[in-house]
Each structure stands twice: as C-alpha cells, then as structure tokens.
Amino acid sequence: MARKRSREVIPETYEARGLQRLWRTHSDAVNEALLTRWWPMEHFKNLLKTDLFDEAVNRGLAPFLVSRSMRLFCIDTSWEVHQRARCRYFSLQTIEADVRDLPFRNGTFDGIVSNSTLDHFESLDDLSGSLQELFRVLRPGGHMILTLDNLSNPMILLRNWLPFPLLKRLKIVPYYVGVTLGASRLASRLKDCGFEVLEVDTVMHCPRLLAVTIARWVEKHTSLRAQESFLRLLMAFEALSHLPTRFLTGYFVAIKATKC
C-alpha cells in the first residue's frame, strides 16, 4: 500500500514555507465552526479523525473532538506528524495508518471527521477507495463530516491544472496537491458508496494566497490585538457561504453524510 502523500511534508518544512501560527489559527477556527454548526449537540462513543497535521502544526481540532467523544482516534501516515502532535497532546490516541486501508473493524465508529485528507491522492480511485473504507468503519446511523479542495473554485481549478513541481518551486503550495472533486461529483461518489448526503456547503472563503501572505506579515510585525482583529476580518469572509456564489468562493467543499 502506497503511503498517503499529503502528510509526507514534515511540519517544520511546512512552517518554514510560510503557513504559520496565525493562518493555522484561522483554519482551525473555520473547521471548528463547521463542526459546531453541523454537530451542535452530538456526543460520540468512538470518533475518528483521518489526519493529525492540524494538531502537529497548531492547536487543531483535537480539543474540540475530545470534548465531543468518549474515545478519539487519530490516524496519519507520517511518523513525524504523529510525534509533533503527541508533543502537544500527550494522551491523544494516535495510530499510524493509511485511510485507504484502515486497521479497524466494520462499524467501529459512530462519528468521523475527515478535513482535507482525501484531496492529496494521485487518482480518483484512491479517493473512492478511501470513501469506501470510511463507510466500512462507520456504524449504521453514524455521521461523517468531510471536506475536500473545492474544484468548483476557479483558483483551485487553476492550481490543480498547473504542474506540481512549478507550484512547489514558486512556493505556492508546500505539499503535494492531489485530485479532488466539486460538490455534486463528491456527493455522487458518497452516494455510490452507500452514504446518505445530509448537507452540502463550502468553507474558507477569504482569498487564500493573499490572506496567507498578509498573515505572515501581521504575525511578525503587529501586536496581539491587531492579530485578533485580522482573524476576525478573515472569519467575516465566511458570510459568503450564505450567497448563491458560495461554490465559486469557497476553497473547500464540506459534506455531512450518514451511513443508512
């Protein structure tokens, strides 16, 4: 089984290339707001998170997910990412595993969170295979929240069209960019696996490349109060998710699904 290329870049390299604390804080806030909105009262017995990268480079979603579950399991293919995440959260249950070949029994989990994990594969077959694995380990009636790079966003479409070596050389992306899908095709693939799609939306609406560049400057040169104001400004862009153009402005498509 090939290793999942999305987490082969180590956190130190990622941070050195400019995606640092302030931007990651915004990313964590957007993801947590989505989970809060779609799971306002849910509490899970066994909850799976399909990567540890967020926890390796910043606060991540682990504190929120721990508060919503009896047992939280987090997987990732990168040993380095595991070590960095465990340094932040000593008691976190982590397993080195590939989402396409999960080491869990059928129906183990009643909740799954997969935020931008499945959009770093080389083929749609890998993406579909991982969806089938997530379906297998989710119990009937269980819920999953999934986000992927939104192919309906023109910037994502352009980025995926350009050759990765060029993007890496220009320092536009510090990690491998894989295949992804727009909202309708992703929903169709989920239904083919047996999921029932409950809600579809988009998140992360600020102009990402510009926002990341400004975030680096703000983090380095301004006060904590100014940084907090900047984060509020970035979060204000999420209001674009209420507009009919949300599938053009959102950088990630988000889907809430259940196993019938």
Protein backbone atom coordinates (compact mmCIF):
# COMPACT_ATOMS: atom_id res chain seq x y z
CA MET A 1 0.00 0.00 0.00
CA ALA A 2 1.42 3.33 -1.04
CA ARG A 3 1.73 5.92 1.67
CA LYS A 4 -0.61 8.90 1.61
CA ARG A 5 1.43 11.69 0.10
CA SER A 6 -0.47 14.53 1.77
CA ARG A 7 1.37 14.11 5.06
CA GLU A 8 4.87 13.37 3.74
CA VAL A 9 5.89 17.01 4.19
CA ILE A 10 7.12 17.42 7.77
CA PRO A 11 5.70 20.20 9.95
CA GLU A 12 9.00 22.12 10.21
CA THR A 13 9.18 22.38 6.42
CA TYR A 14 5.55 23.43 6.22
CA GLU A 15 6.03 26.19 8.77
CA ALA A 16 9.28 27.39 7.21
CA ARG A 17 7.48 27.92 3.91
CA GLY A 18 5.19 30.46 5.46
CA LEU A 19 1.95 28.82 6.60
CA GLN A 20 2.39 29.60 10.26
CA ARG A 21 0.52 30.10 13.52
CA LEU A 22 -1.85 32.94 12.60
CA TRP A 23 -3.10 31.33 9.40
CA ARG A 24 -3.41 27.93 11.05
CA THR A 25 -5.41 29.53 13.86
CA HIS A 26 -7.88 30.83 11.28
CA SER A 27 -8.05 27.42 9.56
CA ASP A 28 -8.75 25.70 12.89
CA ALA A 29 -11.47 28.25 13.69
CA VAL A 30 -13.21 27.70 10.33
CA ASN A 31 -13.16 23.92 10.76
CA GLU A 32 -14.38 24.10 14.35
CA ALA A 33 -17.21 26.45 13.38
CA LEU A 34 -18.33 23.95 10.75
CA LEU A 35 -18.32 21.08 13.26
CA THR A 36 -20.19 23.18 15.82
CA ARG A 37 -22.84 24.09 13.25
CA TRP A 38 -23.38 20.57 11.96
CA TRP A 39 -22.87 18.74 15.27
CA PRO A 40 -24.35 21.21 17.80
CA MET A 41 -25.25 18.63 20.46
CA GLU A 42 -23.73 15.33 19.30
CA HIS A 43 -21.53 13.27 21.60
CA PHE A 44 -19.82 10.18 20.19
CA LYS A 45 -18.65 6.94 21.75
CA ASN A 46 -15.89 6.33 19.19
CA LEU A 47 -14.78 9.18 16.95
CA LEU A 48 -12.20 9.01 14.14
CA LYS A 49 -10.14 11.90 12.74
CA THR A 50 -8.40 10.98 9.50
CA ASP A 51 -5.21 13.02 9.93
CA LEU A 52 -3.05 14.71 12.58
CA PHE A 53 -1.46 17.50 10.58
CA ASP A 54 -3.58 20.26 12.13
CA GLU A 55 -2.54 19.11 15.61
CA ALA A 56 1.11 18.85 14.55
CA VAL A 57 1.39 22.48 13.41
CA ASN A 58 -1.13 24.26 15.67
CA ARG A 59 -3.99 23.68 18.10
CA GLY A 60 -6.03 21.71 15.59
CA LEU A 61 -9.40 20.14 16.26
CA ALA A 62 -8.34 17.64 18.92
CA PRO A 63 -9.55 19.64 21.97
CA PHE A 64 -12.98 20.13 20.41
CA LEU A 65 -13.28 16.49 19.33
CA VAL A 66 -12.12 15.18 22.71
CA SER A 67 -14.91 17.19 24.34
CA ARG A 68 -17.43 15.56 21.97
CA SER A 69 -16.38 11.92 22.36
CA MET A 70 -15.63 9.17 24.83
CA ARG A 71 -12.73 7.94 22.68
CA LEU A 72 -11.00 9.85 19.91
CA PHE A 73 -8.72 8.02 17.47
CA CYS A 74 -6.49 9.97 15.07
CA ILE A 75 -4.60 8.44 12.16
CA ASP A 76 -1.83 9.69 9.89
CA THR A 77 0.80 8.07 7.69
CA SER A 78 3.66 10.31 8.83
CA TRP A 79 5.68 9.33 11.89
CA GLU A 80 6.95 12.90 12.17
CA VAL A 81 3.42 14.28 12.24
CA HIS A 82 2.49 11.76 14.94
CA GLN A 83 5.42 12.83 17.10
CA ARG A 84 4.69 16.53 16.75
CA ALA A 85 1.01 16.03 17.55
CA ARG A 86 1.78 13.86 20.57
CA CYS A 87 4.12 16.56 21.90
CA ARG A 88 1.11 18.89 22.03
CA TYR A 89 -1.37 16.29 23.28
CA PHE A 90 0.29 13.59 25.36
CA SER A 91 -2.83 11.49 25.87
CA LEU A 92 -4.02 11.57 22.27
CA GLN A 93 -4.73 8.14 20.82
CA THR A 94 -2.83 8.09 17.52
CA ILE A 95 -2.36 5.27 15.01
CA GLU A 96 -0.02 5.26 12.02
CA ALA A 97 -2.38 4.16 9.27
CA ASP A 98 -3.49 4.90 5.72
CA VAL A 99 -7.10 5.99 5.22
CA ARG A 100 -7.32 3.65 2.22
CA ASP A 101 -6.58 0.62 4.41
CA LEU A 102 -7.92 1.29 7.89
CA PRO A 103 -6.94 -1.10 10.73
CA PHE A 104 -10.40 -1.06 12.32
CA ARG A 105 -13.31 -3.48 12.34
CA ASN A 106 -16.53 -2.82 10.46
CA GLY A 107 -18.77 -0.32 12.23
CA THR A 108 -16.17 0.74 14.82
CA PHE A 109 -17.02 4.45 14.80
CA ASP A 110 -20.20 6.42 15.24
CA GLY A 111 -18.52 9.62 14.04
CA ILE A 112 -15.80 10.51 11.50
CA VAL A 113 -14.10 13.84 10.78
CA SER A 114 -12.07 14.00 7.57
CA ASN A 115 -10.94 17.55 6.89
CA SER A 116 -8.89 17.92 3.69
CA THR A 117 -7.34 14.45 3.95
CA LEU A 118 -8.64 12.78 0.81
CA ASP A 119 -7.64 15.53 -1.63
CA HIS A 120 -3.95 14.57 -1.79
CA PHE A 121 -4.08 11.34 -3.77
CA GLU A 122 -2.86 10.84 -7.31
CA SER A 123 -6.04 9.17 -8.57
CA LEU A 124 -9.78 9.27 -8.09
CA ASP A 125 -9.65 5.52 -7.49
CA ASP A 126 -7.66 6.20 -4.31
CA LEU A 127 -10.19 8.83 -3.27
CA SER A 128 -13.10 6.47 -3.88
CA GLY A 129 -11.30 3.65 -2.09
CA SER A 130 -10.84 5.79 0.99
CA LEU A 131 -14.53 6.71 0.97
CA GLN A 132 -15.39 3.02 0.88
CA GLU A 133 -13.10 2.38 3.85
CA LEU A 134 -14.70 5.21 5.82
CA PHE A 135 -18.12 3.77 5.01
CA ARG A 136 -16.97 0.34 6.23
CA VAL A 137 -15.71 1.52 9.62
CA LEU A 138 -18.71 3.79 10.27
CA ARG A 139 -21.59 2.12 12.09
CA PRO A 140 -25.13 2.29 10.66
CA GLY A 141 -26.62 5.60 11.73
CA GLY A 142 -23.18 7.11 12.25
CA HIS A 143 -22.26 10.54 10.89
CA MET A 144 -19.30 11.86 8.93
CA ILE A 145 -18.15 15.40 8.13
CA LEU A 146 -15.85 15.57 5.13
CA THR A 147 -14.07 18.47 3.45
CA LEU A 148 -12.07 18.46 0.21
CA ASP A 149 -10.45 21.08 -2.00
CA ASN A 150 -13.33 22.58 -3.95
CA LEU A 151 -12.77 22.03 -7.67
CA SER A 152 -15.59 24.50 -8.44
CA ASN A 153 -13.44 27.32 -7.07
CA PRO A 154 -11.54 28.84 -10.05
CA MET A 155 -8.34 29.21 -8.00
CA ILE A 156 -8.39 25.54 -7.01
CA LEU A 157 -9.14 24.56 -10.60
CA LEU A 158 -6.18 26.61 -11.85
CA ARG A 159 -3.87 25.31 -9.12
CA ASN A 160 -4.71 21.68 -9.91
CA TRP A 161 -4.21 22.31 -13.62
CA LEU A 162 -0.68 23.66 -13.13
CA PRO A 163 2.19 21.15 -12.68
CA PHE A 164 3.04 20.49 -9.04
CA PRO A 165 6.85 20.97 -9.47
CA LEU A 166 6.18 24.51 -10.69
CA LEU A 167 3.84 25.26 -7.79
CA LYS A 168 6.39 23.93 -5.33
CA ARG A 169 9.26 25.90 -6.89
CA LEU A 170 7.20 29.10 -6.72
CA LYS A 171 6.34 28.27 -3.08
CA ILE A 172 2.62 28.47 -3.83
CA VAL A 173 2.00 25.09 -2.19
CA PRO A 174 4.39 23.35 0.23
CA TYR A 175 2.82 19.88 -0.16
CA TYR A 176 1.63 17.55 -2.86
CA VAL A 177 -1.69 18.62 -4.40
CA GLY A 178 -3.84 15.71 -5.49
CA VAL A 179 -7.08 15.07 -7.30
CA THR A 180 -10.33 16.41 -5.92
CA LEU A 181 -13.97 16.92 -6.85
CA GLY A 182 -16.65 19.57 -6.94
CA ALA A 183 -19.68 19.34 -4.67
CA SER A 184 -22.01 17.44 -6.99
CA ARG A 185 -19.47 14.82 -8.04
CA LEU A 186 -18.32 14.31 -4.46
CA ALA A 187 -21.91 13.86 -3.31
CA SER A 188 -22.45 11.36 -6.12
CA ARG A 189 -19.39 9.32 -5.09
CA LEU A 190 -20.56 9.28 -1.48
CA LYS A 191 -23.98 8.01 -2.55
CA ASP A 192 -22.33 5.31 -4.66
CA CYS A 193 -20.51 4.11 -1.53
CA GLY A 194 -23.81 3.89 0.37
CA PHE A 195 -23.79 7.19 2.27
CA GLU A 196 -26.81 9.44 2.54
CA VAL A 197 -25.74 13.05 1.99
CA LEU A 198 -27.47 15.32 4.52
CA GLU A 199 -25.90 18.73 3.88
CA VAL A 200 -23.51 20.32 1.38
CA ASP A 201 -21.71 23.63 1.87
CA THR A 202 -18.39 25.40 1.34
CA VAL A 203 -15.90 26.89 3.80
CA MET A 204 -12.78 29.07 3.76
CA HIS A 205 -13.93 31.97 1.62
CA CYS A 206 -11.15 34.51 2.12
CA PRO A 207 -8.72 34.89 -0.84
CA ARG A 208 -6.26 32.31 0.42
CA LEU A 209 -2.95 33.19 -1.21
CA LEU A 210 -3.33 36.87 -0.33
CA ALA A 211 -4.56 36.07 3.18
CA VAL A 212 -1.62 33.75 3.91
CA THR A 213 0.87 36.37 2.73
CA ILE A 214 -0.71 39.10 4.85
CA ALA A 215 -0.98 36.74 7.82
CA ARG A 216 2.78 36.19 7.79
CA TRP A 217 3.39 39.94 7.89
CA VAL A 218 0.75 40.60 10.56
CA GLU A 219 2.11 37.82 12.77
CA LYS A 220 5.65 39.16 12.52
CA HIS A 221 5.08 42.91 12.78
CA THR A 222 1.91 43.63 14.77
CA SER A 223 0.51 43.32 18.28
CA LEU A 224 -1.70 40.51 19.55
CA ARG A 225 -4.68 42.88 19.46
CA ALA A 226 -4.03 43.63 15.77
CA GLN A 227 -3.69 39.91 15.08
CA GLU A 228 -7.03 39.22 16.74
CA SER A 229 -8.63 41.93 14.59
CA PHE A 230 -7.11 40.37 11.48
CA LEU A 231 -8.51 36.96 12.42
CA ARG A 232 -11.98 38.48 12.85
CA LEU A 233 -11.64 40.03 9.39
CA LEU A 234 -10.74 36.68 7.86
CA MET A 235 -13.67 34.99 9.60
CA ALA A 236 -16.04 37.66 8.24
CA PHE A 237 -15.44 36.24 4.77
CA GLU A 238 -17.30 33.09 5.87
CA ALA A 239 -20.54 35.05 5.44
CA LEU A 240 -20.04 34.40 1.72
CA SER A 241 -21.21 30.85 2.39
CA HIS A 242 -24.78 32.23 2.54
CA LEU A 243 -24.66 33.52 -1.03
CA PRO A 244 -25.54 31.63 -4.23
CA THR A 245 -21.91 32.09 -5.31
CA ARG A 246 -20.57 30.08 -2.37
CA PHE A 247 -19.37 27.22 -4.59
CA LEU A 248 -17.20 29.68 -6.50
CA THR A 249 -15.67 31.42 -3.48
CA GLY A 250 -15.25 28.54 -1.01
CA TYR A 251 -11.86 26.83 -1.08
CA PHE A 252 -13.26 23.64 0.45
CA VAL A 253 -16.47 21.77 -0.21
CA ALA A 254 -17.98 20.39 3.01
CA ILE A 255 -20.41 17.49 3.23
CA LYS A 256 -22.29 16.00 6.15
CA ALA A 257 -23.27 12.39 5.50
CA THR A 258 -24.64 9.39 7.34
CA LYS A 259 -24.50 5.63 6.91
CA CYS A 260 -28.00 4.32 6.35
